[in-house]
Amino acid sequence: MSTYTLRHFPIQARPETCRALLSYDGGDYTSEHPVWPMEKSKQPFGKVPVLIETDASGNVFQLSDSMAIEHYLATKKGLMVDSSPQDRARQDELRSQILDIFLFAPQYRFATEEARKTIKEQYVTQAKFFIDFHESHLKNNGSNGYYFGSKITYVDIALVATMRALRRFGDESMPGMTGYLSPERTPLINKVLDVVGNDPKLAKFFSEPRVKPAVL
């Protein structure tokens, strides 16, 4: 049986989905918070997150890049969509769009005052595309609180983990950010948050001590 260590900054940021996947269905892992930038050179690509897996024989497997880690963990947990190559590609597309929305928060937070207006306008435009596409996809899946079929998959967990983080710090980073994702505007997206967020297999993730919000 393998053991896992996730090396990441102690903030709610891109590794949230990695953390949710690691703790899914009662999974255990250890968090390491490297001292930065002193430990930057010790990371495979000079960045975090980094997943370290040690198997029963002591063999160590390291993986860097949050999306690569997510795919690996989702595959091991049996959470990747496997109904067709088209559905697998759609899953990855949906996941990338969730990340795109998330990244507006740090972009706005650390931008100059002059650049913020443009970033906010881009967010409003992108949020509309995001909402229209995701609401339509969820409706076509039966409006049942899942992206694919009638069970939890990788993209469901990615949405829950990402929106949980944005609800905590989104409006602090970009005023009014989460209003565009309200239940009134995104009823089916929020249904996923309710259905999947209340699944017992994610209980451990929600009970973990919260790290700091990503508003450095």
N, C-alpha and C. Protein backbone atom coordinates (compact mmCIF):
# COMPACT_ATOMS: atom_id res chain seq x y z
N MET A 1 0.85 -1.21 0.00
CA MET A 1 0.00 0.00 0.00
C MET A 1 0.87 1.25 0.00
N SER A 2 0.54 2.19 -0.85
CA SER A 2 1.34 3.40 -0.98
C SER A 2 0.98 4.43 0.08
N THR A 3 1.95 5.28 0.41
CA THR A 3 1.71 6.45 1.24
C THR A 3 1.96 7.69 0.38
N TYR A 4 1.29 8.78 0.74
CA TYR A 4 1.36 9.98 -0.09
C TYR A 4 1.74 11.21 0.74
N THR A 5 2.54 12.06 0.11
CA THR A 5 2.86 13.37 0.67
C THR A 5 2.59 14.41 -0.41
N LEU A 6 1.88 15.45 -0.04
CA LEU A 6 1.63 16.56 -0.97
C LEU A 6 2.40 17.76 -0.47
N ARG A 7 3.32 18.22 -1.28
CA ARG A 7 4.14 19.38 -0.95
C ARG A 7 3.49 20.60 -1.62
N HIS A 8 3.08 21.57 -0.82
CA HIS A 8 2.37 22.72 -1.37
C HIS A 8 2.45 23.89 -0.39
N PHE A 9 2.11 25.08 -0.88
CA PHE A 9 2.04 26.24 0.00
C PHE A 9 0.82 26.10 0.92
N PRO A 10 0.89 26.61 2.14
CA PRO A 10 -0.23 26.49 3.09
C PRO A 10 -1.33 27.50 2.83
N ILE A 11 -1.84 27.51 1.60
CA ILE A 11 -2.92 28.41 1.22
C ILE A 11 -3.93 27.64 0.39
N GLN A 12 -5.16 28.17 0.33
CA GLN A 12 -6.17 27.59 -0.54
C GLN A 12 -5.92 28.12 -1.94
N ALA A 13 -5.38 27.27 -2.79
CA ALA A 13 -5.06 27.68 -4.14
C ALA A 13 -5.21 26.48 -5.07
N ARG A 14 -4.36 26.37 -6.07
CA ARG A 14 -4.51 25.32 -7.07
C ARG A 14 -4.49 23.90 -6.50
N PRO A 15 -3.77 23.61 -5.42
CA PRO A 15 -3.76 22.22 -4.92
C PRO A 15 -5.05 21.76 -4.24
N GLU A 16 -6.07 22.61 -4.17
CA GLU A 16 -7.29 22.20 -3.46
C GLU A 16 -7.90 20.92 -4.03
N THR A 17 -7.91 20.80 -5.35
CA THR A 17 -8.47 19.58 -5.94
C THR A 17 -7.59 18.38 -5.65
N CYS A 18 -6.27 18.58 -5.65
CA CYS A 18 -5.35 17.50 -5.27
C CYS A 18 -5.66 17.03 -3.86
N ARG A 19 -5.86 17.96 -2.95
CA ARG A 19 -6.15 17.63 -1.56
C ARG A 19 -7.48 16.87 -1.44
N ALA A 20 -8.48 17.31 -2.20
CA ALA A 20 -9.77 16.64 -2.16
C ALA A 20 -9.67 15.21 -2.68
N LEU A 21 -8.90 15.01 -3.74
CA LEU A 21 -8.73 13.67 -4.29
C LEU A 21 -7.96 12.76 -3.35
N LEU A 22 -6.94 13.30 -2.71
CA LEU A 22 -6.15 12.50 -1.77
C LEU A 22 -6.98 12.04 -0.58
N SER A 23 -7.85 12.89 -0.08
CA SER A 23 -8.65 12.54 1.10
C SER A 23 -9.98 11.89 0.74
N TYR A 24 -10.29 11.77 -0.55
CA TYR A 24 -11.55 11.18 -1.00
C TYR A 24 -11.71 9.76 -0.46
N ASP A 25 -12.89 9.47 0.04
CA ASP A 25 -13.22 8.14 0.56
C ASP A 25 -12.30 7.72 1.71
N GLY A 26 -11.91 8.71 2.53
CA GLY A 26 -11.11 8.41 3.71
C GLY A 26 -9.63 8.26 3.48
N GLY A 27 -9.14 8.68 2.32
CA GLY A 27 -7.71 8.55 2.02
C GLY A 27 -6.84 9.39 2.94
N ASP A 28 -5.63 8.90 3.20
CA ASP A 28 -4.67 9.60 4.06
C ASP A 28 -3.50 10.15 3.25
N TYR A 29 -2.99 11.28 3.69
CA TYR A 29 -1.78 11.84 3.10
C TYR A 29 -1.17 12.81 4.10
N THR A 30 0.07 13.17 3.84
CA THR A 30 0.78 14.14 4.68
C THR A 30 1.03 15.40 3.87
N SER A 31 0.84 16.55 4.48
CA SER A 31 1.15 17.82 3.83
C SER A 31 2.53 18.30 4.25
N GLU A 32 3.29 18.79 3.29
CA GLU A 32 4.57 19.45 3.56
C GLU A 32 4.51 20.85 2.98
N HIS A 33 4.97 21.82 3.75
CA HIS A 33 4.97 23.21 3.30
C HIS A 33 6.41 23.70 3.20
N PRO A 34 7.00 23.67 2.00
CA PRO A 34 8.40 24.07 1.86
C PRO A 34 8.62 25.54 2.18
N VAL A 35 9.80 25.83 2.69
CA VAL A 35 10.19 27.21 2.97
C VAL A 35 10.65 27.83 1.65
N TRP A 36 10.01 28.91 1.26
CA TRP A 36 10.24 29.50 -0.06
C TRP A 36 10.90 30.87 0.08
N PRO A 37 11.88 31.16 -0.78
CA PRO A 37 12.36 30.40 -1.94
C PRO A 37 13.54 29.48 -1.64
N MET A 38 13.89 29.30 -0.37
CA MET A 38 15.06 28.50 -0.04
C MET A 38 14.98 27.07 -0.56
N GLU A 39 13.77 26.50 -0.59
CA GLU A 39 13.63 25.10 -1.02
C GLU A 39 13.14 24.98 -2.46
N LYS A 40 13.12 26.07 -3.17
CA LYS A 40 12.68 26.07 -4.57
C LYS A 40 13.52 25.11 -5.42
N SER A 41 14.84 25.13 -5.23
CA SER A 41 15.74 24.31 -6.05
C SER A 41 15.59 22.81 -5.78
N LYS A 42 14.92 22.46 -4.68
CA LYS A 42 14.74 21.04 -4.33
C LYS A 42 13.52 20.42 -5.01
N GLN A 43 12.71 21.24 -5.67
CA GLN A 43 11.51 20.73 -6.33
C GLN A 43 11.85 20.32 -7.76
N PRO A 44 11.17 19.31 -8.31
CA PRO A 44 11.50 18.80 -9.64
C PRO A 44 11.55 19.87 -10.73
N PHE A 45 10.62 20.81 -10.70
CA PHE A 45 10.60 21.88 -11.70
C PHE A 45 10.67 23.26 -11.04
N GLY A 46 11.14 23.29 -9.80
CA GLY A 46 11.26 24.56 -9.09
C GLY A 46 9.95 25.17 -8.68
N LYS A 47 8.92 24.33 -8.54
CA LYS A 47 7.61 24.85 -8.16
C LYS A 47 6.83 23.77 -7.41
N VAL A 48 5.75 24.18 -6.79
CA VAL A 48 4.83 23.26 -6.12
C VAL A 48 3.44 23.46 -6.74
N PRO A 49 2.54 22.48 -6.64
CA PRO A 49 2.60 21.30 -5.77
C PRO A 49 3.46 20.18 -6.34
N VAL A 50 3.87 19.31 -5.43
CA VAL A 50 4.59 18.09 -5.78
C VAL A 50 3.97 16.94 -5.00
N LEU A 51 3.66 15.87 -5.69
CA LEU A 51 3.15 14.66 -5.05
C LEU A 51 4.28 13.66 -4.91
N ILE A 52 4.45 13.11 -3.72
CA ILE A 52 5.45 12.07 -3.49
C ILE A 52 4.72 10.81 -3.03
N GLU A 53 4.82 9.77 -3.83
CA GLU A 53 4.19 8.49 -3.50
C GLU A 53 5.27 7.46 -3.20
N THR A 54 5.15 6.80 -2.07
CA THR A 54 6.09 5.75 -1.68
C THR A 54 5.33 4.44 -1.57
N ASP A 55 5.72 3.44 -2.37
CA ASP A 55 4.98 2.18 -2.33
C ASP A 55 5.51 1.26 -1.23
N ALA A 56 4.92 0.09 -1.10
CA ALA A 56 5.26 -0.83 -0.02
C ALA A 56 6.70 -1.30 -0.07
N SER A 57 7.31 -1.25 -1.25
CA SER A 57 8.71 -1.67 -1.41
C SER A 57 9.69 -0.53 -1.18
N GLY A 58 9.17 0.67 -0.93
CA GLY A 58 10.03 1.82 -0.71
C GLY A 58 10.37 2.59 -1.95
N ASN A 59 9.80 2.21 -3.09
CA ASN A 59 10.02 2.95 -4.33
C ASN A 59 9.28 4.29 -4.27
N VAL A 60 9.96 5.34 -4.70
CA VAL A 60 9.39 6.68 -4.62
C VAL A 60 9.07 7.20 -6.02
N PHE A 61 7.86 7.71 -6.17
CA PHE A 61 7.41 8.32 -7.41
C PHE A 61 7.04 9.76 -7.12
N GLN A 62 7.68 10.70 -7.84
CA GLN A 62 7.38 12.12 -7.65
C GLN A 62 6.71 12.66 -8.91
N LEU A 63 5.74 13.50 -8.69
CA LEU A 63 5.00 14.10 -9.80
C LEU A 63 4.75 15.56 -9.49
N SER A 64 5.09 16.42 -10.45
CA SER A 64 4.87 17.85 -10.29
C SER A 64 3.81 18.30 -11.29
N ASP A 65 3.24 19.46 -11.07
CA ASP A 65 2.17 20.06 -11.87
C ASP A 65 0.82 19.60 -11.35
N SER A 66 -0.01 20.55 -10.97
CA SER A 66 -1.28 20.24 -10.31
C SER A 66 -2.21 19.41 -11.18
N MET A 67 -2.29 19.71 -12.48
CA MET A 67 -3.19 18.96 -13.35
C MET A 67 -2.72 17.53 -13.54
N ALA A 68 -1.41 17.33 -13.67
CA ALA A 68 -0.88 15.98 -13.80
C ALA A 68 -1.17 15.17 -12.53
N ILE A 69 -1.00 15.82 -11.38
CA ILE A 69 -1.29 15.15 -10.11
C ILE A 69 -2.77 14.79 -10.02
N GLU A 70 -3.62 15.72 -10.40
CA GLU A 70 -5.06 15.46 -10.36
C GLU A 70 -5.44 14.26 -11.22
N HIS A 71 -4.94 14.22 -12.44
CA HIS A 71 -5.26 13.12 -13.35
C HIS A 71 -4.78 11.79 -12.79
N TYR A 72 -3.59 11.79 -12.23
CA TYR A 72 -3.02 10.57 -11.67
C TYR A 72 -3.87 10.07 -10.50
N LEU A 73 -4.20 10.97 -9.59
CA LEU A 73 -4.99 10.57 -8.42
C LEU A 73 -6.41 10.17 -8.80
N ALA A 74 -7.02 10.90 -9.72
CA ALA A 74 -8.37 10.56 -10.15
C ALA A 74 -8.40 9.20 -10.83
N THR A 75 -7.35 8.88 -11.58
CA THR A 75 -7.26 7.57 -12.21
C THR A 75 -7.14 6.47 -11.16
N LYS A 76 -6.29 6.68 -10.18
CA LYS A 76 -6.11 5.69 -9.12
C LYS A 76 -7.37 5.50 -8.27
N LYS A 77 -8.16 6.55 -8.14
CA LYS A 77 -9.39 6.48 -7.34
C LYS A 77 -10.59 6.02 -8.17
N GLY A 78 -10.39 5.78 -9.47
CA GLY A 78 -11.48 5.35 -10.32
C GLY A 78 -12.49 6.44 -10.61
N LEU A 79 -12.03 7.69 -10.67
CA LEU A 79 -12.93 8.83 -10.83
C LEU A 79 -12.88 9.47 -12.21
N MET A 80 -12.04 8.95 -13.09
CA MET A 80 -11.98 9.49 -14.45
C MET A 80 -13.15 8.96 -15.27
N VAL A 81 -13.72 9.81 -16.09
CA VAL A 81 -14.81 9.38 -16.98
C VAL A 81 -14.26 8.37 -17.98
N ASP A 82 -14.95 7.24 -18.12
CA ASP A 82 -14.45 6.21 -19.03
C ASP A 82 -15.52 5.74 -20.01
N SER A 83 -16.60 6.52 -20.15
CA SER A 83 -17.70 6.12 -21.02
C SER A 83 -17.34 6.19 -22.50
N SER A 84 -16.48 7.14 -22.88
CA SER A 84 -16.05 7.27 -24.28
C SER A 84 -14.89 8.24 -24.34
N PRO A 85 -14.08 8.19 -25.43
CA PRO A 85 -13.01 9.18 -25.59
C PRO A 85 -13.55 10.61 -25.63
N GLN A 86 -14.75 10.77 -26.21
CA GLN A 86 -15.34 12.11 -26.27
C GLN A 86 -15.68 12.62 -24.87
N ASP A 87 -16.24 11.76 -24.04
CA ASP A 87 -16.57 12.18 -22.68
C ASP A 87 -15.32 12.48 -21.87
N ARG A 88 -14.26 11.69 -22.10
CA ARG A 88 -13.00 11.96 -21.39
C ARG A 88 -12.45 13.33 -21.79
N ALA A 89 -12.52 13.64 -23.09
CA ALA A 89 -12.05 14.94 -23.55
C ALA A 89 -12.93 16.07 -23.00
N ARG A 90 -14.24 15.82 -22.95
CA ARG A 90 -15.15 16.84 -22.41
C ARG A 90 -14.85 17.09 -20.93
N GLN A 91 -14.57 16.02 -20.19
CA GLN A 91 -14.20 16.15 -18.78
C GLN A 91 -13.00 17.08 -18.62
N ASP A 92 -11.97 16.87 -19.44
CA ASP A 92 -10.77 17.70 -19.34
C ASP A 92 -11.06 19.15 -19.72
N GLU A 93 -11.93 19.33 -20.71
CA GLU A 93 -12.31 20.68 -21.11
C GLU A 93 -13.03 21.40 -19.97
N LEU A 94 -13.97 20.73 -19.35
CA LEU A 94 -14.71 21.32 -18.23
C LEU A 94 -13.79 21.66 -17.07
N ARG A 95 -12.85 20.75 -16.80
CA ARG A 95 -11.90 21.01 -15.71
C ARG A 95 -11.05 22.24 -16.00
N SER A 96 -10.60 22.37 -17.23
CA SER A 96 -9.77 23.52 -17.60
C SER A 96 -10.54 24.82 -17.46
N GLN A 97 -11.83 24.79 -17.78
CA GLN A 97 -12.65 26.00 -17.64
C GLN A 97 -12.82 26.39 -16.17
N ILE A 98 -12.94 25.41 -15.31
CA ILE A 98 -13.03 25.69 -13.87
C ILE A 98 -11.75 26.37 -13.39
N LEU A 99 -10.62 25.87 -13.86
CA LEU A 99 -9.34 26.48 -13.49
C LEU A 99 -9.23 27.89 -14.04
N ASP A 100 -9.69 28.10 -15.26
CA ASP A 100 -9.63 29.45 -15.86
C ASP A 100 -10.37 30.46 -15.00
N ILE A 101 -11.55 30.08 -14.51
CA ILE A 101 -12.33 30.98 -13.65
C ILE A 101 -11.57 31.26 -12.36
N PHE A 102 -11.01 30.22 -11.77
CA PHE A 102 -10.27 30.36 -10.51
C PHE A 102 -9.11 31.34 -10.65
N LEU A 103 -8.38 31.25 -11.77
CA LEU A 103 -7.15 32.02 -11.92
C LEU A 103 -7.39 33.52 -12.04
N PHE A 104 -8.62 33.93 -12.30
CA PHE A 104 -8.89 35.36 -12.32
C PHE A 104 -8.68 36.00 -10.95
N ALA A 105 -8.87 35.23 -9.88
CA ALA A 105 -8.71 35.78 -8.53
C ALA A 105 -7.29 36.25 -8.27
N PRO A 106 -6.26 35.39 -8.45
CA PRO A 106 -4.90 35.89 -8.24
C PRO A 106 -4.46 36.91 -9.29
N GLN A 107 -4.96 36.76 -10.53
CA GLN A 107 -4.59 37.73 -11.56
C GLN A 107 -5.04 39.13 -11.15
N TYR A 108 -6.25 39.24 -10.66
CA TYR A 108 -6.78 40.54 -10.24
C TYR A 108 -6.09 41.01 -8.97
N ARG A 109 -5.90 40.11 -8.04
CA ARG A 109 -5.32 40.45 -6.74
C ARG A 109 -3.95 41.10 -6.88
N PHE A 110 -3.13 40.56 -7.77
CA PHE A 110 -1.75 41.03 -7.87
C PHE A 110 -1.51 41.96 -9.06
N ALA A 111 -2.59 42.41 -9.69
CA ALA A 111 -2.46 43.32 -10.83
C ALA A 111 -2.36 44.76 -10.35
N THR A 112 -1.87 45.61 -11.23
CA THR A 112 -1.87 47.04 -10.94
C THR A 112 -3.30 47.56 -11.00
N GLU A 113 -3.53 48.69 -10.39
CA GLU A 113 -4.87 49.27 -10.40
C GLU A 113 -5.33 49.54 -11.83
N GLU A 114 -4.39 49.91 -12.67
CA GLU A 114 -4.70 50.20 -14.07
C GLU A 114 -5.17 48.95 -14.80
N ALA A 115 -4.55 47.81 -14.50
CA ALA A 115 -4.88 46.56 -15.20
C ALA A 115 -6.15 45.90 -14.67
N ARG A 116 -6.54 46.23 -13.46
CA ARG A 116 -7.66 45.53 -12.83
C ARG A 116 -8.99 45.70 -13.57
N LYS A 117 -9.22 46.87 -14.13
CA LYS A 117 -10.48 47.09 -14.85
C LYS A 117 -10.60 46.12 -16.02
N THR A 118 -9.51 45.96 -16.76
CA THR A 118 -9.52 45.05 -17.90
C THR A 118 -9.71 43.61 -17.46
N ILE A 119 -9.03 43.23 -16.38
CA ILE A 119 -9.16 41.85 -15.88
C ILE A 119 -10.58 41.58 -15.43
N LYS A 120 -11.21 42.55 -14.76
CA LYS A 120 -12.60 42.38 -14.31
C LYS A 120 -13.53 42.22 -15.51
N GLU A 121 -13.31 43.00 -16.54
CA GLU A 121 -14.13 42.89 -17.75
C GLU A 121 -13.96 41.52 -18.40
N GLN A 122 -12.72 41.05 -18.44
CA GLN A 122 -12.45 39.72 -19.00
C GLN A 122 -13.13 38.63 -18.18
N TYR A 123 -13.11 38.81 -16.86
CA TYR A 123 -13.75 37.83 -15.99
C TYR A 123 -15.25 37.78 -16.24
N VAL A 124 -15.88 38.93 -16.32
CA VAL A 124 -17.33 38.98 -16.54
C VAL A 124 -17.69 38.27 -17.85
N THR A 125 -16.90 38.53 -18.89
CA THR A 125 -17.14 37.88 -20.18
C THR A 125 -16.95 36.38 -20.08
N GLN A 126 -15.83 35.97 -19.47
CA GLN A 126 -15.53 34.54 -19.37
C GLN A 126 -16.52 33.82 -18.46
N ALA A 127 -16.95 34.49 -17.40
CA ALA A 127 -17.92 33.88 -16.48
C ALA A 127 -19.23 33.56 -17.20
N LYS A 128 -19.63 34.43 -18.12
CA LYS A 128 -20.87 34.17 -18.88
C LYS A 128 -20.71 32.92 -19.74
N PHE A 129 -19.58 32.82 -20.45
CA PHE A 129 -19.34 31.61 -21.25
C PHE A 129 -19.33 30.38 -20.35
N PHE A 130 -18.65 30.49 -19.22
CA PHE A 130 -18.54 29.38 -18.28
C PHE A 130 -19.92 28.92 -17.80
N ILE A 131 -20.72 29.88 -17.38
CA ILE A 131 -22.05 29.56 -16.86
C ILE A 131 -22.92 28.92 -17.94
N ASP A 132 -22.96 29.52 -19.12
CA ASP A 132 -23.80 29.00 -20.20
C ASP A 132 -23.41 27.57 -20.56
N PHE A 133 -22.10 27.33 -20.68
CA PHE A 133 -21.63 26.01 -21.11
C PHE A 133 -21.88 24.96 -20.03
N HIS A 134 -21.52 25.28 -18.80
CA HIS A 134 -21.66 24.30 -17.72
C HIS A 134 -23.12 24.04 -17.37
N GLU A 135 -23.94 25.08 -17.34
CA GLU A 135 -25.35 24.87 -17.05
C GLU A 135 -26.00 24.01 -18.13
N SER A 136 -25.64 24.25 -19.39
CA SER A 136 -26.18 23.45 -20.50
C SER A 136 -25.73 21.99 -20.39
N HIS A 137 -24.45 21.79 -20.11
CA HIS A 137 -23.94 20.42 -19.98
C HIS A 137 -24.65 19.69 -18.84
N LEU A 138 -24.80 20.35 -17.71
CA LEU A 138 -25.44 19.71 -16.55
C LEU A 138 -26.92 19.43 -16.83
N LYS A 139 -27.59 20.31 -17.55
CA LYS A 139 -28.98 20.07 -17.94
C LYS A 139 -29.08 18.85 -18.83
N ASN A 140 -28.16 18.73 -19.78
CA ASN A 140 -28.17 17.59 -20.70
C ASN A 140 -27.87 16.28 -19.98
N ASN A 141 -27.23 16.37 -18.81
CA ASN A 141 -26.96 15.16 -18.03
C ASN A 141 -28.11 14.84 -17.07
N GLY A 142 -29.19 15.58 -17.17
CA GLY A 142 -30.36 15.26 -16.35
C GLY A 142 -30.57 16.15 -15.15
N SER A 143 -29.76 17.20 -15.01
CA SER A 143 -29.90 18.14 -13.88
C SER A 143 -29.91 17.41 -12.54
N ASN A 144 -29.04 16.40 -12.43
CA ASN A 144 -29.05 15.53 -11.24
C ASN A 144 -27.94 15.80 -10.24
N GLY A 145 -27.16 16.87 -10.48
CA GLY A 145 -26.08 17.20 -9.55
C GLY A 145 -24.76 16.55 -9.87
N TYR A 146 -24.66 15.96 -11.08
CA TYR A 146 -23.40 15.35 -11.52
C TYR A 146 -23.12 15.78 -12.95
N TYR A 147 -21.84 15.83 -13.30
CA TYR A 147 -21.46 16.19 -14.67
C TYR A 147 -21.62 15.03 -15.64
N PHE A 148 -21.37 13.81 -15.17
CA PHE A 148 -21.45 12.63 -16.04
C PHE A 148 -22.19 11.51 -15.32
N GLY A 149 -23.25 11.01 -15.96
CA GLY A 149 -23.98 9.90 -15.37
C GLY A 149 -24.62 10.29 -14.05
N SER A 150 -24.61 9.35 -13.12
CA SER A 150 -25.25 9.59 -11.82
C SER A 150 -24.32 9.23 -10.67
N LYS A 151 -23.02 9.50 -10.88
CA LYS A 151 -22.06 9.24 -9.81
C LYS A 151 -20.95 10.29 -9.85
N ILE A 152 -20.22 10.41 -8.77
CA ILE A 152 -19.13 11.39 -8.68
C ILE A 152 -18.00 11.03 -9.63
N THR A 153 -17.53 12.04 -10.34
CA THR A 153 -16.34 11.90 -11.17
C THR A 153 -15.38 13.04 -10.84
N TYR A 154 -14.23 12.97 -11.46
CA TYR A 154 -13.15 13.93 -11.22
C TYR A 154 -13.60 15.38 -11.32
N VAL A 155 -14.34 15.71 -12.37
CA VAL A 155 -14.70 17.12 -12.58
C VAL A 155 -15.68 17.61 -11.51
N ASP A 156 -16.51 16.74 -10.98
CA ASP A 156 -17.39 17.13 -9.87
C ASP A 156 -16.57 17.58 -8.67
N ILE A 157 -15.56 16.78 -8.34
CA ILE A 157 -14.70 17.10 -7.20
C ILE A 157 -13.92 18.38 -7.45
N ALA A 158 -13.45 18.57 -8.69
CA ALA A 158 -12.72 19.79 -9.03
C ALA A 158 -13.59 21.02 -8.84
N LEU A 159 -14.85 20.93 -9.26
CA LEU A 159 -15.76 22.06 -9.09
C LEU A 159 -15.98 22.37 -7.61
N VAL A 160 -16.28 21.34 -6.83
CA VAL A 160 -16.56 21.54 -5.40
C VAL A 160 -15.35 22.13 -4.68
N ALA A 161 -14.16 21.58 -4.94
CA ALA A 161 -12.95 22.06 -4.27
C ALA A 161 -12.63 23.50 -4.67
N THR A 162 -12.79 23.81 -5.95
CA THR A 162 -12.47 25.15 -6.45
C THR A 162 -13.46 26.19 -5.93
N MET A 163 -14.74 25.88 -6.01
CA MET A 163 -15.75 26.84 -5.57
C MET A 163 -15.71 27.03 -4.06
N ARG A 164 -15.35 25.98 -3.34
CA ARG A 164 -15.19 26.12 -1.88
C ARG A 164 -14.12 27.16 -1.57
N ALA A 165 -13.01 27.12 -2.33
CA ALA A 165 -11.94 28.09 -2.12
C ALA A 165 -12.38 29.49 -2.54
N LEU A 166 -13.04 29.60 -3.70
CA LEU A 166 -13.46 30.91 -4.17
C LEU A 166 -14.48 31.56 -3.24
N ARG A 167 -15.36 30.76 -2.67
CA ARG A 167 -16.34 31.32 -1.74
C ARG A 167 -15.68 31.87 -0.49
N ARG A 168 -14.50 31.37 -0.21
CA ARG A 168 -13.80 31.85 0.98
C ARG A 168 -13.03 33.13 0.71
N PHE A 169 -12.39 33.23 -0.47
CA PHE A 169 -11.53 34.39 -0.69
C PHE A 169 -11.78 35.13 -2.00
N GLY A 170 -12.71 34.65 -2.83
CA GLY A 170 -12.91 35.25 -4.14
C GLY A 170 -13.23 36.73 -4.09
N ASP A 171 -14.18 37.11 -3.23
CA ASP A 171 -14.59 38.51 -3.17
C ASP A 171 -13.53 39.40 -2.53
N GLU A 172 -12.65 38.81 -1.72
CA GLU A 172 -11.54 39.58 -1.16
C GLU A 172 -10.50 39.87 -2.24
N SER A 173 -10.38 38.95 -3.20
CA SER A 173 -9.42 39.14 -4.28
C SER A 173 -9.99 40.06 -5.35
N MET A 174 -11.23 39.79 -5.77
CA MET A 174 -11.90 40.60 -6.78
C MET A 174 -13.32 40.89 -6.28
N PRO A 175 -13.60 42.10 -5.86
CA PRO A 175 -14.93 42.43 -5.33
C PRO A 175 -16.04 42.02 -6.29
N GLY A 176 -17.03 41.31 -5.76
CA GLY A 176 -18.17 40.89 -6.57
C GLY A 176 -17.95 39.61 -7.36
N MET A 177 -16.80 38.97 -7.19
CA MET A 177 -16.47 37.80 -8.01
C MET A 177 -17.47 36.67 -7.86
N THR A 178 -17.82 36.31 -6.63
CA THR A 178 -18.67 35.15 -6.43
C THR A 178 -20.14 35.42 -6.75
N GLY A 179 -20.50 36.70 -6.85
CA GLY A 179 -21.88 37.03 -7.19
C GLY A 179 -22.29 36.49 -8.54
N TYR A 180 -21.33 36.39 -9.45
CA TYR A 180 -21.62 35.86 -10.78
C TYR A 180 -21.91 34.36 -10.75
N LEU A 181 -21.55 33.70 -9.65
CA LEU A 181 -21.74 32.25 -9.53
C LEU A 181 -22.77 31.92 -8.46
N SER A 182 -23.68 32.85 -8.22
CA SER A 182 -24.70 32.67 -7.19
C SER A 182 -25.69 31.57 -7.59
N PRO A 183 -26.42 31.00 -6.62
CA PRO A 183 -27.43 29.99 -6.94
C PRO A 183 -28.49 30.48 -7.92
N GLU A 184 -28.80 31.77 -7.88
CA GLU A 184 -29.80 32.31 -8.80
C GLU A 184 -29.30 32.29 -10.23
N ARG A 185 -28.02 32.57 -10.42
CA ARG A 185 -27.45 32.60 -11.77
C ARG A 185 -26.98 31.23 -12.24
N THR A 186 -26.62 30.38 -11.30
CA THR A 186 -26.05 29.07 -11.67
C THR A 186 -26.71 27.95 -10.86
N PRO A 187 -27.99 27.72 -11.06
CA PRO A 187 -28.69 26.72 -10.24
C PRO A 187 -28.14 25.31 -10.36
N LEU A 188 -27.75 24.91 -11.56
CA LEU A 188 -27.28 23.53 -11.74
C LEU A 188 -25.84 23.36 -11.26
N ILE A 189 -25.02 24.39 -11.43
CA ILE A 189 -23.67 24.35 -10.87
C ILE A 189 -23.76 24.24 -9.36
N ASN A 190 -24.65 25.03 -8.76
CA ASN A 190 -24.79 24.98 -7.31
C ASN A 190 -25.43 23.68 -6.84
N LYS A 191 -26.20 23.02 -7.71
CA LYS A 191 -26.74 21.71 -7.34
C LYS A 191 -25.60 20.70 -7.21
N VAL A 192 -24.59 20.79 -8.08
CA VAL A 192 -23.42 19.92 -7.95
C VAL A 192 -22.74 20.17 -6.60
N LEU A 193 -22.62 21.44 -6.24
CA LEU A 193 -22.00 21.77 -4.95
C LEU A 193 -22.78 21.15 -3.79
N ASP A 194 -24.10 21.14 -3.89
CA ASP A 194 -24.93 20.57 -2.83
C ASP A 194 -24.85 19.05 -2.81
N VAL A 195 -25.03 18.43 -3.97
CA VAL A 195 -25.08 16.96 -4.05
C VAL A 195 -23.72 16.35 -3.75
N VAL A 196 -22.71 16.81 -4.46
CA VAL A 196 -21.37 16.23 -4.29
C VAL A 196 -20.74 16.70 -2.98
N GLY A 197 -20.98 17.96 -2.63
CA GLY A 197 -20.41 18.48 -1.40
C GLY A 197 -20.91 17.79 -0.15
N ASN A 198 -22.07 17.15 -0.24
CA ASN A 198 -22.64 16.43 0.90
C ASN A 198 -22.41 14.93 0.84
N ASP A 199 -21.65 14.48 -0.14
CA ASP A 199 -21.36 13.04 -0.24
C ASP A 199 -20.43 12.63 0.90
N PRO A 200 -20.72 11.55 1.61
CA PRO A 200 -19.87 11.11 2.72
C PRO A 200 -18.42 10.86 2.34
N LYS A 201 -18.16 10.54 1.07
CA LYS A 201 -16.79 10.25 0.66
C LYS A 201 -15.92 11.51 0.63
N LEU A 202 -16.56 12.67 0.69
CA LEU A 202 -15.81 13.93 0.74
C LEU A 202 -15.80 14.53 2.15
N ALA A 203 -16.38 13.82 3.09
CA ALA A 203 -16.48 14.35 4.46
C ALA A 203 -15.11 14.65 5.05
N LYS A 204 -14.14 13.80 4.77
CA LYS A 204 -12.81 14.01 5.35
C LYS A 204 -12.17 15.29 4.82
N PHE A 205 -12.36 15.57 3.54
CA PHE A 205 -11.81 16.78 2.95
C PHE A 205 -12.39 18.02 3.63
N PHE A 206 -13.70 18.03 3.86
CA PHE A 206 -14.34 19.18 4.47
C PHE A 206 -14.02 19.31 5.96
N SER A 207 -13.61 18.21 6.58
CA SER A 207 -13.28 18.26 8.00
C SER A 207 -11.82 18.57 8.27
N GLU A 208 -10.98 18.57 7.20
CA GLU A 208 -9.56 18.87 7.39
C GLU A 208 -9.39 20.32 7.83
N PRO A 209 -8.37 20.60 8.64
CA PRO A 209 -8.10 21.99 9.04
C PRO A 209 -7.92 22.87 7.81
N ARG A 210 -8.58 23.98 7.79
CA ARG A 210 -8.48 24.87 6.63
C ARG A 210 -7.14 25.60 6.63
N VAL A 211 -6.52 25.59 5.47
CA VAL A 211 -5.31 26.38 5.32
C VAL A 211 -5.72 27.82 5.04
N LYS A 212 -4.75 28.70 5.02
CA LYS A 212 -5.05 30.12 4.82
C LYS A 212 -5.64 30.36 3.44
N PRO A 213 -6.55 31.33 3.30
CA PRO A 213 -7.03 31.68 1.98
C PRO A 213 -5.90 32.28 1.15
N ALA A 214 -6.03 32.14 -0.16
CA ALA A 214 -4.95 32.57 -1.04
C ALA A 214 -5.02 34.06 -1.34
N VAL A 215 -4.93 34.88 -0.31
CA VAL A 215 -4.89 36.33 -0.48
C VAL A 215 -3.66 36.82 0.27
N LEU A 216 -2.52 36.52 -0.25
CA LEU A 216 -1.25 36.79 0.41
C LEU A 216 -1.07 38.28 0.69
